[in-house]
mmCIF file of all heavy atoms, coordinates in Angstrom:
data_MODEL
# 
_entry.id   MODEL 
# 
loop_
_atom_site.group_PDB 
_atom_site.id 
_atom_site.type_symbol 
_atom_site.label_atom_id 
_atom_site.label_alt_id 
_atom_site.label_comp_id 
_atom_site.label_asym_id 
_atom_site.label_entity_id 
_atom_site.label_seq_id 
_atom_site.pdbx_PDB_ins_code 
_atom_site.Cartn_x 
_atom_site.Cartn_y 
_atom_site.Cartn_z 
_atom_site.occupancy 
_atom_site.B_iso_or_equiv 
_atom_site.pdbx_formal_charge 
_atom_site.auth_seq_id 
_atom_site.auth_comp_id 
_atom_site.auth_asym_id 
_atom_site.auth_atom_id 
_atom_site.pdbx_PDB_model_num 
ATOM 1   N N   . ILE A 1 1  ? 8.140   -24.602 -25.299 1.00 0.00 ? 1  ILE A N   1 
ATOM 2   C CA  . ILE A 1 1  ? 8.171   -23.311 -24.608 1.00 0.00 ? 1  ILE A CA  1 
ATOM 3   C C   . ILE A 1 1  ? 6.764   -22.926 -24.159 1.00 0.00 ? 1  ILE A C   1 
ATOM 4   O O   . ILE A 1 1  ? 6.563   -22.375 -23.074 1.00 0.00 ? 1  ILE A O   1 
ATOM 5   C CB  . ILE A 1 1  ? 8.780   -22.225 -25.522 1.00 0.00 ? 1  ILE A CB  1 
ATOM 6   C CG1 . ILE A 1 1  ? 10.226  -22.548 -25.878 1.00 0.00 ? 1  ILE A CG1 1 
ATOM 7   C CG2 . ILE A 1 1  ? 8.649   -20.849 -24.908 1.00 0.00 ? 1  ILE A CG2 1 
ATOM 8   C CD1 . ILE A 1 1  ? 11.180  -22.567 -24.716 1.00 0.00 ? 1  ILE A CD1 1 
ATOM 9   N N   . GLU A 1 2  ? 5.779   -23.250 -24.981 1.00 0.00 ? 2  GLU A N   1 
ATOM 10  C CA  . GLU A 1 2  ? 4.394   -22.944 -24.632 1.00 0.00 ? 2  GLU A CA  1 
ATOM 11  C C   . GLU A 1 2  ? 3.951   -23.713 -23.385 1.00 0.00 ? 2  GLU A C   1 
ATOM 12  O O   . GLU A 1 2  ? 3.171   -23.206 -22.578 1.00 0.00 ? 2  GLU A O   1 
ATOM 13  C CB  . GLU A 1 2  ? 3.480   -23.279 -25.813 1.00 0.00 ? 2  GLU A CB  1 
ATOM 14  C CG  . GLU A 1 2  ? 2.091   -22.742 -25.645 1.00 0.00 ? 2  GLU A CG  1 
ATOM 15  C CD  . GLU A 1 2  ? 1.251   -22.895 -26.904 1.00 0.00 ? 2  GLU A CD  1 
ATOM 16  O OE1 . GLU A 1 2  ? 1.724   -23.495 -27.892 1.00 0.00 ? 2  GLU A OE1 1 
ATOM 17  O OE2 . GLU A 1 2  ? 0.107   -22.420 -26.873 1.00 0.00 ? 2  GLU A OE2 1 
ATOM 18  N N   . VAL A 1 3  ? 4.467   -24.920 -23.201 1.00 0.00 ? 3  VAL A N   1 
ATOM 19  C CA  . VAL A 1 3  ? 4.157   -25.696 -21.999 1.00 0.00 ? 3  VAL A CA  1 
ATOM 20  C C   . VAL A 1 3  ? 4.676   -24.968 -20.762 1.00 0.00 ? 3  VAL A C   1 
ATOM 21  O O   . VAL A 1 3  ? 3.986   -24.869 -19.740 1.00 0.00 ? 3  VAL A O   1 
ATOM 22  C CB  . VAL A 1 3  ? 4.741   -27.123 -22.096 1.00 0.00 ? 3  VAL A CB  1 
ATOM 23  C CG1 . VAL A 1 3  ? 4.621   -27.859 -20.773 1.00 0.00 ? 3  VAL A CG1 1 
ATOM 24  C CG2 . VAL A 1 3  ? 4.043   -27.907 -23.205 1.00 0.00 ? 3  VAL A CG2 1 
ATOM 25  N N   . LEU A 1 4  ? 5.888   -24.434 -20.842 1.00 0.00 ? 4  LEU A N   1 
ATOM 26  C CA  . LEU A 1 4  ? 6.435   -23.655 -19.724 1.00 0.00 ? 4  LEU A CA  1 
ATOM 27  C C   . LEU A 1 4  ? 5.609   -22.396 -19.490 1.00 0.00 ? 4  LEU A C   1 
ATOM 28  O O   . LEU A 1 4  ? 5.378   -21.991 -18.343 1.00 0.00 ? 4  LEU A O   1 
ATOM 29  C CB  . LEU A 1 4  ? 7.899   -23.299 -19.987 1.00 0.00 ? 4  LEU A CB  1 
ATOM 30  C CG  . LEU A 1 4  ? 8.598   -22.431 -18.942 1.00 0.00 ? 4  LEU A CG  1 
ATOM 31  C CD1 . LEU A 1 4  ? 8.510   -23.051 -17.556 1.00 0.00 ? 4  LEU A CD1 1 
ATOM 32  C CD2 . LEU A 1 4  ? 10.046  -22.203 -19.337 1.00 0.00 ? 4  LEU A CD2 1 
ATOM 33  N N   . ALA A 1 5  ? 5.133   -21.786 -20.582 1.00 0.00 ? 5  ALA A N   1 
ATOM 34  C CA  . ALA A 1 5  ? 4.298   -20.588 -20.458 1.00 0.00 ? 5  ALA A CA  1 
ATOM 35  C C   . ALA A 1 5  ? 3.005   -20.906 -19.704 1.00 0.00 ? 5  ALA A C   1 
ATOM 36  O O   . ALA A 1 5  ? 2.487   -20.052 -18.971 1.00 0.00 ? 5  ALA A O   1 
ATOM 37  C CB  . ALA A 1 5  ? 3.984   -20.010 -21.836 1.00 0.00 ? 5  ALA A CB  1 
ATOM 38  N N   . LEU A 1 6  ? 2.488   -22.124 -19.856 1.00 0.00 ? 6  LEU A N   1 
ATOM 39  C CA  . LEU A 1 6  ? 1.284   -22.513 -19.118 1.00 0.00 ? 6  LEU A CA  1 
ATOM 40  C C   . LEU A 1 6  ? 1.521   -22.441 -17.611 1.00 0.00 ? 6  LEU A C   1 
ATOM 41  O O   . LEU A 1 6  ? 0.650   -22.001 -16.856 1.00 0.00 ? 6  LEU A O   1 
ATOM 42  C CB  . LEU A 1 6  ? 0.852   -23.930 -19.507 1.00 0.00 ? 6  LEU A CB  1 
ATOM 43  C CG  . LEU A 1 6  ? 0.285   -24.110 -20.908 1.00 0.00 ? 6  LEU A CG  1 
ATOM 44  C CD1 . LEU A 1 6  ? 0.022   -25.577 -21.185 1.00 0.00 ? 6  LEU A CD1 1 
ATOM 45  C CD2 . LEU A 1 6  ? -0.980  -23.282 -21.094 1.00 0.00 ? 6  LEU A CD2 1 
ATOM 46  N N   . TYR A 1 7  ? 2.700   -22.870 -17.170 1.00 0.00 ? 7  TYR A N   1 
ATOM 47  C CA  . TYR A 1 7  ? 3.042   -22.786 -15.745 1.00 0.00 ? 7  TYR A CA  1 
ATOM 48  C C   . TYR A 1 7  ? 3.048   -21.323 -15.300 1.00 0.00 ? 7  TYR A C   1 
ATOM 49  O O   . TYR A 1 7  ? 2.527   -20.979 -14.233 1.00 0.00 ? 7  TYR A O   1 
ATOM 50  C CB  . TYR A 1 7  ? 4.405   -23.435 -15.482 1.00 0.00 ? 7  TYR A CB  1 
ATOM 51  C CG  . TYR A 1 7  ? 4.858   -23.293 -14.048 1.00 0.00 ? 7  TYR A CG  1 
ATOM 52  C CD1 . TYR A 1 7  ? 4.414   -24.180 -13.075 1.00 0.00 ? 7  TYR A CD1 1 
ATOM 53  C CD2 . TYR A 1 7  ? 5.709   -22.262 -13.663 1.00 0.00 ? 7  TYR A CD2 1 
ATOM 54  C CE1 . TYR A 1 7  ? 4.813   -24.045 -11.749 1.00 0.00 ? 7  TYR A CE1 1 
ATOM 55  C CE2 . TYR A 1 7  ? 6.116   -22.118 -12.344 1.00 0.00 ? 7  TYR A CE2 1 
ATOM 56  C CZ  . TYR A 1 7  ? 5.660   -23.013 -11.393 1.00 0.00 ? 7  TYR A CZ  1 
ATOM 57  O OH  . TYR A 1 7  ? 6.048   -22.859 -10.086 1.00 0.00 ? 7  TYR A OH  1 
ATOM 58  N N   . TRP A 1 8  ? 3.642   -20.467 -16.120 1.00 0.00 ? 8  TRP A N   1 
ATOM 59  C CA  . TRP A 1 8  ? 3.723   -19.049 -15.768 1.00 0.00 ? 8  TRP A CA  1 
ATOM 60  C C   . TRP A 1 8  ? 2.330   -18.428 -15.683 1.00 0.00 ? 8  TRP A C   1 
ATOM 61  O O   . TRP A 1 8  ? 2.030   -17.642 -14.789 1.00 0.00 ? 8  TRP A O   1 
ATOM 62  C CB  . TRP A 1 8  ? 4.615   -18.297 -16.753 1.00 0.00 ? 8  TRP A CB  1 
ATOM 63  C CG  . TRP A 1 8  ? 4.998   -16.957 -16.249 1.00 0.00 ? 8  TRP A CG  1 
ATOM 64  C CD1 . TRP A 1 8  ? 4.496   -15.754 -16.642 1.00 0.00 ? 8  TRP A CD1 1 
ATOM 65  C CD2 . TRP A 1 8  ? 5.953   -16.661 -15.219 1.00 0.00 ? 8  TRP A CD2 1 
ATOM 66  N NE1 . TRP A 1 8  ? 5.073   -14.728 -15.931 1.00 0.00 ? 8  TRP A NE1 1 
ATOM 67  C CE2 . TRP A 1 8  ? 5.975   -15.266 -15.055 1.00 0.00 ? 8  TRP A CE2 1 
ATOM 68  C CE3 . TRP A 1 8  ? 6.783   -17.457 -14.441 1.00 0.00 ? 8  TRP A CE3 1 
ATOM 69  C CZ2 . TRP A 1 8  ? 6.807   -14.643 -14.127 1.00 0.00 ? 8  TRP A CZ2 1 
ATOM 70  C CZ3 . TRP A 1 8  ? 7.611   -16.834 -13.517 1.00 0.00 ? 8  TRP A CZ3 1 
ATOM 71  C CH2 . TRP A 1 8  ? 7.623   -15.434 -13.373 1.00 0.00 ? 8  TRP A CH2 1 
ATOM 72  N N   . HIS A 1 9  ? 1.450   -18.796 -16.621 1.00 0.00 ? 9  HIS A N   1 
ATOM 73  C CA  . HIS A 1 9  ? 0.068   -18.303 -16.566 1.00 0.00 ? 9  HIS A CA  1 
ATOM 74  C C   . HIS A 1 9  ? -0.627  -18.788 -15.291 1.00 0.00 ? 9  HIS A C   1 
ATOM 75  O O   . HIS A 1 9  ? -1.404  -18.053 -14.685 1.00 0.00 ? 9  HIS A O   1 
ATOM 76  C CB  . HIS A 1 9  ? -0.718  -18.764 -17.797 1.00 0.00 ? 9  HIS A CB  1 
ATOM 77  C CG  . HIS A 1 9  ? -0.283  -18.126 -19.076 1.00 0.00 ? 9  HIS A CG  1 
ATOM 78  N ND1 . HIS A 1 9  ? -0.110  -16.765 -19.232 1.00 0.00 ? 9  HIS A ND1 1 
ATOM 79  C CD2 . HIS A 1 9  ? 0.018   -18.673 -20.283 1.00 0.00 ? 9  HIS A CD2 1 
ATOM 80  C CE1 . HIS A 1 9  ? 0.275   -16.498 -20.468 1.00 0.00 ? 9  HIS A CE1 1 
ATOM 81  N NE2 . HIS A 1 9  ? 0.363   -17.641 -21.124 1.00 0.00 ? 9  HIS A NE2 1 
ATOM 82  N N   . PHE A 1 10 ? -0.342  -20.014 -14.900 1.00 0.00 ? 10 PHE A N   1 
ATOM 83  C CA  . PHE A 1 10 ? -0.906  -20.560 -13.662 1.00 0.00 ? 10 PHE A CA  1 
ATOM 84  C C   . PHE A 1 10 ? -0.461  -19.729 -12.465 1.00 0.00 ? 10 PHE A C   1 
ATOM 85  O O   . PHE A 1 10 ? -1.279  -19.370 -11.600 1.00 0.00 ? 10 PHE A O   1 
ATOM 86  C CB  . PHE A 1 10 ? -0.479  -22.025 -13.496 1.00 0.00 ? 10 PHE A CB  1 
ATOM 87  C CG  . PHE A 1 10 ? -0.683  -22.571 -12.120 1.00 0.00 ? 10 PHE A CG  1 
ATOM 88  C CD1 . PHE A 1 10 ? -1.953  -22.806 -11.630 1.00 0.00 ? 10 PHE A CD1 1 
ATOM 89  C CD2 . PHE A 1 10 ? 0.403   -22.838 -11.293 1.00 0.00 ? 10 PHE A CD2 1 
ATOM 90  C CE1 . PHE A 1 10 ? -2.146  -23.303 -10.342 1.00 0.00 ? 10 PHE A CE1 1 
ATOM 91  C CE2 . PHE A 1 10 ? 0.227   -23.346 -10.017 1.00 0.00 ? 10 PHE A CE2 1 
ATOM 92  C CZ  . PHE A 1 10 ? -1.058  -23.571 -9.539  1.00 0.00 ? 10 PHE A CZ  1 
ATOM 93  N N   . VAL A 1 11 ? 0.818   -19.407 -12.399 1.00 0.00 ? 11 VAL A N   1 
ATOM 94  C CA  . VAL A 1 11 ? 1.348   -18.599 -11.290 1.00 0.00 ? 11 VAL A CA  1 
ATOM 95  C C   . VAL A 1 11 ? 0.661   -17.241 -11.254 1.00 0.00 ? 11 VAL A C   1 
ATOM 96  O O   . VAL A 1 11 ? 0.307   -16.730 -10.182 1.00 0.00 ? 11 VAL A O   1 
ATOM 97  C CB  . VAL A 1 11 ? 2.883   -18.457 -11.422 1.00 0.00 ? 11 VAL A CB  1 
ATOM 98  C CG1 . VAL A 1 11 ? 3.422   -17.409 -10.476 1.00 0.00 ? 11 VAL A CG1 1 
ATOM 99  C CG2 . VAL A 1 11 ? 3.561   -19.796 -11.167 1.00 0.00 ? 11 VAL A CG2 1 
ATOM 100 N N   . ASP A 1 12 ? 0.431   -16.664 -12.420 1.00 0.00 ? 12 ASP A N   1 
ATOM 101 C CA  . ASP A 1 12 ? -0.255  -15.367 -12.483 1.00 0.00 ? 12 ASP A CA  1 
ATOM 102 C C   . ASP A 1 12 ? -1.711  -15.483 -12.030 1.00 0.00 ? 12 ASP A C   1 
ATOM 103 O O   . ASP A 1 12 ? -2.215  -14.632 -11.297 1.00 0.00 ? 12 ASP A O   1 
ATOM 104 C CB  . ASP A 1 12 ? -0.200  -14.804 -13.900 1.00 0.00 ? 12 ASP A CB  1 
ATOM 105 C CG  . ASP A 1 12 ? 1.179   -14.304 -14.276 1.00 0.00 ? 12 ASP A CG  1 
ATOM 106 O OD1 . ASP A 1 12 ? 2.099   -14.393 -13.431 1.00 0.00 ? 12 ASP A OD1 1 
ATOM 107 O OD2 . ASP A 1 12 ? 1.359   -13.824 -15.404 1.00 0.00 ? 12 ASP A OD2 1 
ATOM 108 N N   . ALA A 1 13 ? -2.383  -16.549 -12.469 1.00 0.00 ? 13 ALA A N   1 
ATOM 109 C CA  . ALA A 1 13 ? -3.786  -16.745 -12.089 1.00 0.00 ? 13 ALA A CA  1 
ATOM 110 C C   . ALA A 1 13 ? -3.910  -16.958 -10.578 1.00 0.00 ? 13 ALA A C   1 
ATOM 111 O O   . ALA A 1 13 ? -4.835  -16.431 -9.937  1.00 0.00 ? 13 ALA A O   1 
ATOM 112 C CB  . ALA A 1 13 ? -4.365  -17.943 -12.844 1.00 0.00 ? 13 ALA A CB  1 
ATOM 113 N N   . VAL A 1 14 ? -2.969  -17.695 -10.007 1.00 0.00 ? 14 VAL A N   1 
ATOM 114 C CA  . VAL A 1 14 ? -2.993  -17.919 -8.555  1.00 0.00 ? 14 VAL A CA  1 
ATOM 115 C C   . VAL A 1 14 ? -2.823  -16.591 -7.825  1.00 0.00 ? 14 VAL A C   1 
ATOM 116 O O   . VAL A 1 14 ? -3.448  -16.353 -6.791  1.00 0.00 ? 14 VAL A O   1 
ATOM 117 C CB  . VAL A 1 14 ? -1.909  -18.934 -8.139  1.00 0.00 ? 14 VAL A CB  1 
ATOM 118 C CG1 . VAL A 1 14 ? -1.717  -18.937 -6.628  1.00 0.00 ? 14 VAL A CG1 1 
ATOM 119 C CG2 . VAL A 1 14 ? -2.278  -20.328 -8.609  1.00 0.00 ? 14 VAL A CG2 1 
ATOM 120 N N   . TRP A 1 15 ? -1.981  -15.705 -8.372  1.00 0.00 ? 15 TRP A N   1 
ATOM 121 C CA  . TRP A 1 15 ? -1.796  -14.413 -7.719  1.00 0.00 ? 15 TRP A CA  1 
ATOM 122 C C   . TRP A 1 15 ? -3.104  -13.632 -7.661  1.00 0.00 ? 15 TRP A C   1 
ATOM 123 O O   . TRP A 1 15 ? -3.372  -12.926 -6.678  1.00 0.00 ? 15 TRP A O   1 
ATOM 124 C CB  . TRP A 1 15 ? -0.708  -13.582 -8.394  1.00 0.00 ? 15 TRP A CB  1 
ATOM 125 C CG  . TRP A 1 15 ? -0.576  -12.242 -7.732  1.00 0.00 ? 15 TRP A CG  1 
ATOM 126 C CD1 . TRP A 1 15 ? -0.898  -11.029 -8.237  1.00 0.00 ? 15 TRP A CD1 1 
ATOM 127 C CD2 . TRP A 1 15 ? -0.127  -12.009 -6.377  1.00 0.00 ? 15 TRP A CD2 1 
ATOM 128 N NE1 . TRP A 1 15 ? -0.680  -10.041 -7.291  1.00 0.00 ? 15 TRP A NE1 1 
ATOM 129 C CE2 . TRP A 1 15 ? -0.207  -10.619 -6.145  1.00 0.00 ? 15 TRP A CE2 1 
ATOM 130 C CE3 . TRP A 1 15 ? 0.331   -12.850 -5.364  1.00 0.00 ? 15 TRP A CE3 1 
ATOM 131 C CZ2 . TRP A 1 15 ? 0.158   -10.046 -4.938  1.00 0.00 ? 15 TRP A CZ2 1 
ATOM 132 C CZ3 . TRP A 1 15 ? 0.690   -12.271 -4.152  1.00 0.00 ? 15 TRP A CZ3 1 
ATOM 133 C CH2 . TRP A 1 15 ? 0.599   -10.885 -3.958  1.00 0.00 ? 15 TRP A CH2 1 
ATOM 134 N N   . LEU A 1 16 ? -3.930  -13.735 -8.692  1.00 0.00 ? 16 LEU A N   1 
ATOM 135 C CA  . LEU A 1 16 ? -5.219  -13.047 -8.664  1.00 0.00 ? 16 LEU A CA  1 
ATOM 136 C C   . LEU A 1 16 ? -6.055  -13.520 -7.466  1.00 0.00 ? 16 LEU A C   1 
ATOM 137 O O   . LEU A 1 16 ? -6.692  -12.725 -6.786  1.00 0.00 ? 16 LEU A O   1 
ATOM 138 C CB  . LEU A 1 16 ? -5.992  -13.306 -9.959  1.00 0.00 ? 16 LEU A CB  1 
ATOM 139 C CG  . LEU A 1 16 ? -5.573  -12.495 -11.170 1.00 0.00 ? 16 LEU A CG  1 
ATOM 140 C CD1 . LEU A 1 16 ? -6.354  -12.932 -12.398 1.00 0.00 ? 16 LEU A CD1 1 
ATOM 141 C CD2 . LEU A 1 16 ? -5.766  -11.006 -10.926 1.00 0.00 ? 16 LEU A CD2 1 
ATOM 142 N N   . VAL A 1 17 ? -6.014  -14.830 -7.203  1.00 0.00 ? 17 VAL A N   1 
ATOM 143 C CA  . VAL A 1 17 ? -6.745  -15.385 -6.059  1.00 0.00 ? 17 VAL A CA  1 
ATOM 144 C C   . VAL A 1 17 ? -6.124  -14.895 -4.748  1.00 0.00 ? 17 VAL A C   1 
ATOM 145 O O   . VAL A 1 17 ? -6.830  -14.429 -3.848  1.00 0.00 ? 17 VAL A O   1 
ATOM 146 C CB  . VAL A 1 17 ? -6.757  -16.928 -6.113  1.00 0.00 ? 17 VAL A CB  1 
ATOM 147 C CG1 . VAL A 1 17 ? -7.399  -17.507 -4.862  1.00 0.00 ? 17 VAL A CG1 1 
ATOM 148 C CG2 . VAL A 1 17 ? -7.474  -17.414 -7.367  1.00 0.00 ? 17 VAL A CG2 1 
ATOM 149 N N   . VAL A 1 18 ? -4.798  -14.990 -4.653  1.00 0.00 ? 18 VAL A N   1 
ATOM 150 C CA  . VAL A 1 18 ? -4.104  -14.562 -3.430  1.00 0.00 ? 18 VAL A CA  1 
ATOM 151 C C   . VAL A 1 18 ? -4.345  -13.068 -3.179  1.00 0.00 ? 18 VAL A C   1 
ATOM 152 O O   . VAL A 1 18 ? -4.661  -12.662 -2.056  1.00 0.00 ? 18 VAL A O   1 
ATOM 153 C CB  . VAL A 1 18 ? -2.592  -14.871 -3.521  1.00 0.00 ? 18 VAL A CB  1 
ATOM 154 C CG1 . VAL A 1 18 ? -1.836  -14.254 -2.346  1.00 0.00 ? 18 VAL A CG1 1 
ATOM 155 C CG2 . VAL A 1 18 ? -2.362  -16.378 -3.577  1.00 0.00 ? 18 VAL A CG2 1 
ATOM 156 N N   . PHE A 1 19 ? -4.206  -12.260 -4.209  1.00 0.00 ? 19 PHE A N   1 
ATOM 157 C CA  . PHE A 1 19 ? -4.418  -10.817 -4.084  1.00 0.00 ? 19 PHE A CA  1 
ATOM 158 C C   . PHE A 1 19 ? -5.838  -10.528 -3.588  1.00 0.00 ? 19 PHE A C   1 
ATOM 159 O O   . PHE A 1 19 ? -6.044  -9.719  -2.686  1.00 0.00 ? 19 PHE A O   1 
ATOM 160 C CB  . PHE A 1 19 ? -4.167  -10.142 -5.435  1.00 0.00 ? 19 PHE A CB  1 
ATOM 161 C CG  . PHE A 1 19 ? -4.395  -8.665  -5.430  1.00 0.00 ? 19 PHE A CG  1 
ATOM 162 C CD1 . PHE A 1 19 ? -3.429  -7.801  -4.944  1.00 0.00 ? 19 PHE A CD1 1 
ATOM 163 C CD2 . PHE A 1 19 ? -5.586  -8.124  -5.901  1.00 0.00 ? 19 PHE A CD2 1 
ATOM 164 C CE1 . PHE A 1 19 ? -3.636  -6.423  -4.932  1.00 0.00 ? 19 PHE A CE1 1 
ATOM 165 C CE2 . PHE A 1 19 ? -5.809  -6.761  -5.896  1.00 0.00 ? 19 PHE A CE2 1 
ATOM 166 C CZ  . PHE A 1 19 ? -4.829  -5.907  -5.407  1.00 0.00 ? 19 PHE A CZ  1 
ATOM 167 N N   . THR A 1 20 ? -6.808  -11.201 -4.179  1.00 0.00 ? 20 THR A N   1 
ATOM 168 C CA  . THR A 1 20 ? -8.209  -10.973 -3.798  1.00 0.00 ? 20 THR A CA  1 
ATOM 169 C C   . THR A 1 20 ? -8.464  -11.385 -2.352  1.00 0.00 ? 20 THR A C   1 
ATOM 170 O O   . THR A 1 20 ? -9.061  -10.631 -1.575  1.00 0.00 ? 20 THR A O   1 
ATOM 171 C CB  . THR A 1 20 ? -9.149  -11.750 -4.744  1.00 0.00 ? 20 THR A CB  1 
ATOM 172 O OG1 . THR A 1 20 ? -8.914  -11.319 -6.083  1.00 0.00 ? 20 THR A OG1 1 
ATOM 173 C CG2 . THR A 1 20 ? -10.599 -11.518 -4.382  1.00 0.00 ? 20 THR A CG2 1 
ATOM 174 N N   . VAL A 1 21 ? -7.996  -12.560 -1.975  1.00 0.00 ? 21 VAL A N   1 
ATOM 175 C CA  . VAL A 1 21 ? -8.264  -13.082 -0.632  1.00 0.00 ? 21 VAL A CA  1 
ATOM 176 C C   . VAL A 1 21 ? -7.482  -12.312 0.441   1.00 0.00 ? 21 VAL A C   1 
ATOM 177 O O   . VAL A 1 21 ? -8.050  -11.927 1.471   1.00 0.00 ? 21 VAL A O   1 
ATOM 178 C CB  . VAL A 1 21 ? -7.917  -14.594 -0.569  1.00 0.00 ? 21 VAL A CB  1 
ATOM 179 C CG1 . VAL A 1 21 ? -7.903  -15.101 0.872   1.00 0.00 ? 21 VAL A CG1 1 
ATOM 180 C CG2 . VAL A 1 21 ? -8.901  -15.390 -1.397  1.00 0.00 ? 21 VAL A CG2 1 
ATOM 181 N N   . VAL A 1 22 ? -6.197  -12.074 0.194   1.00 0.00 ? 22 VAL A N   1 
ATOM 182 C CA  . VAL A 1 22 ? -5.344  -11.461 1.228   1.00 0.00 ? 22 VAL A CA  1 
ATOM 183 C C   . VAL A 1 22 ? -5.534  -9.953  1.292   1.00 0.00 ? 22 VAL A C   1 
ATOM 184 O O   . VAL A 1 22 ? -5.701  -9.383  2.374   1.00 0.00 ? 22 VAL A O   1 
ATOM 185 C CB  . VAL A 1 22 ? -3.871  -11.820 0.980   1.00 0.00 ? 22 VAL A CB  1 
ATOM 186 C CG1 . VAL A 1 22 ? -2.952  -11.063 1.939   1.00 0.00 ? 22 VAL A CG1 1 
ATOM 187 C CG2 . VAL A 1 22 ? -3.657  -13.323 1.123   1.00 0.00 ? 22 VAL A CG2 1 
ATOM 188 N N   . TYR A 1 23 ? -5.485  -9.293  0.139   1.00 0.00 ? 23 TYR A N   1 
ATOM 189 C CA  . TYR A 1 23 ? -5.407  -7.825  0.145   1.00 0.00 ? 23 TYR A CA  1 
ATOM 190 C C   . TYR A 1 23 ? -6.755  -7.125  -0.018  1.00 0.00 ? 23 TYR A C   1 
ATOM 191 O O   . TYR A 1 23 ? -6.879  -5.957  0.317   1.00 0.00 ? 23 TYR A O   1 
ATOM 192 C CB  . TYR A 1 23 ? -4.448  -7.355  -0.934  1.00 0.00 ? 23 TYR A CB  1 
ATOM 193 C CG  . TYR A 1 23 ? -3.039  -7.809  -0.692  1.00 0.00 ? 23 TYR A CG  1 
ATOM 194 C CD1 . TYR A 1 23 ? -2.538  -8.971  -1.295  1.00 0.00 ? 23 TYR A CD1 1 
ATOM 195 C CD2 . TYR A 1 23 ? -2.203  -7.097  0.152   1.00 0.00 ? 23 TYR A CD2 1 
ATOM 196 C CE1 . TYR A 1 23 ? -1.247  -9.401  -1.070  1.00 0.00 ? 23 TYR A CE1 1 
ATOM 197 C CE2 . TYR A 1 23 ? -0.897  -7.523  0.384   1.00 0.00 ? 23 TYR A CE2 1 
ATOM 198 C CZ  . TYR A 1 23 ? -0.425  -8.674  -0.228  1.00 0.00 ? 23 TYR A CZ  1 
ATOM 199 O OH  . TYR A 1 23 ? 0.865   -9.105  0.013   1.00 0.00 ? 23 TYR A OH  1 
ATOM 200 N N   . LEU A 1 24 ? -7.747  -7.819  -0.555  1.00 0.00 ? 24 LEU A N   1 
ATOM 201 C CA  . LEU A 1 24 ? -9.053  -7.195  -0.721  1.00 0.00 ? 24 LEU A CA  1 
ATOM 202 C C   . LEU A 1 24 ? -10.043 -7.708  0.311   1.00 0.00 ? 24 LEU A C   1 
ATOM 203 O O   . LEU A 1 24 ? -10.537 -6.947  1.149   1.00 0.00 ? 24 LEU A O   1 
ATOM 204 C CB  . LEU A 1 24 ? -9.585  -7.424  -2.140  1.00 0.00 ? 24 LEU A CB  1 
ATOM 205 C CG  . LEU A 1 24 ? -8.738  -6.833  -3.267  1.00 0.00 ? 24 LEU A CG  1 
ATOM 206 C CD1 . LEU A 1 24 ? -9.354  -7.113  -4.628  1.00 0.00 ? 24 LEU A CD1 1 
ATOM 207 C CD2 . LEU A 1 24 ? -8.532  -5.334  -3.085  1.00 0.00 ? 24 LEU A CD2 1 
ATOM 208 N N   . ILE A 1 25 ? -10.322 -9.003  0.305   1.00 0.00 ? 25 ILE A N   1 
ATOM 209 C CA  . ILE A 1 25 ? -11.283 -9.579  1.270   1.00 0.00 ? 25 ILE A CA  1 
ATOM 210 C C   . ILE A 1 25 ? -10.720 -9.559  2.685   1.00 0.00 ? 25 ILE A C   1 
ATOM 211 O O   . ILE A 1 25 ? -11.418 -9.218  3.637   1.00 0.00 ? 25 ILE A O   1 
ATOM 212 C CB  . ILE A 1 25 ? -11.654 -11.022 0.862   1.00 0.00 ? 25 ILE A CB  1 
ATOM 213 C CG1 . ILE A 1 25 ? -12.376 -11.023 -0.481  1.00 0.00 ? 25 ILE A CG1 1 
ATOM 214 C CG2 . ILE A 1 25 ? -12.495 -11.695 1.931   1.00 0.00 ? 25 ILE A CG2 1 
ATOM 215 C CD1 . ILE A 1 25 ? -12.617 -12.393 -1.056  1.00 0.00 ? 25 ILE A CD1 1 
ATOM 216 N N   . GLY A 1 26 ? -9.439  -9.909  2.813   1.00 0.00 ? 26 GLY A N   1 
ATOM 217 C CA  . GLY A 1 26 ? -8.823  -10.061 4.133   1.00 0.00 ? 26 GLY A CA  1 
ATOM 218 C C   . GLY A 1 26 ? -8.553  -8.780  4.883   1.00 0.00 ? 26 GLY A C   1 
ATOM 219 O O   . GLY A 1 26 ? -8.223  -8.808  6.067   1.00 0.00 ? 26 GLY A O   1 
ATOM 220 N N   . ARG A 1 27 ? -8.664  -7.652  4.240   1.00 0.00 ? 27 ARG A N   1 
ATOM 221 C CA  . ARG A 1 27 ? -8.417  -6.382  4.928   1.00 0.00 ? 27 ARG A CA  1 
ATOM 222 C C   . ARG A 1 27 ? -9.716  -5.849  5.465   1.00 0.00 ? 27 ARG A C   1 
ATOM 223 O O   . ARG A 1 27 ? -9.848  -5.019  6.240   1.00 0.00 ? 27 ARG A O   1 
ATOM 224 C CB  . ARG A 1 27 ? -7.789  -5.379  3.970   1.00 0.00 ? 27 ARG A CB  1 
ATOM 225 C CG  . ARG A 1 27 ? -6.362  -5.748  3.662   1.00 0.00 ? 27 ARG A CG  1 
ATOM 226 C CD  . ARG A 1 27 ? -5.668  -4.777  2.748   1.00 0.00 ? 27 ARG A CD  1 
ATOM 227 N NE  . ARG A 1 27 ? -5.417  -3.538  3.460   1.00 0.00 ? 27 ARG A NE  1 
ATOM 228 C CZ  . ARG A 1 27 ? -5.487  -2.338  2.916   1.00 0.00 ? 27 ARG A CZ  1 
ATOM 229 N NH1 . ARG A 1 27 ? -5.814  -2.202  1.670   1.00 0.00 ? 27 ARG A NH1 1 
ATOM 230 N NH2 . ARG A 1 27 ? -5.238  -1.258  3.614   1.00 0.00 ? 27 ARG A NH2 1 
# 
């Protein structure tokens, strides 16, 4: 289950990058 949680943490970490690039820097 912890291995699956690693994927979920990855998805969350990617969102931080997407949020920063698209909604903060990109505006």
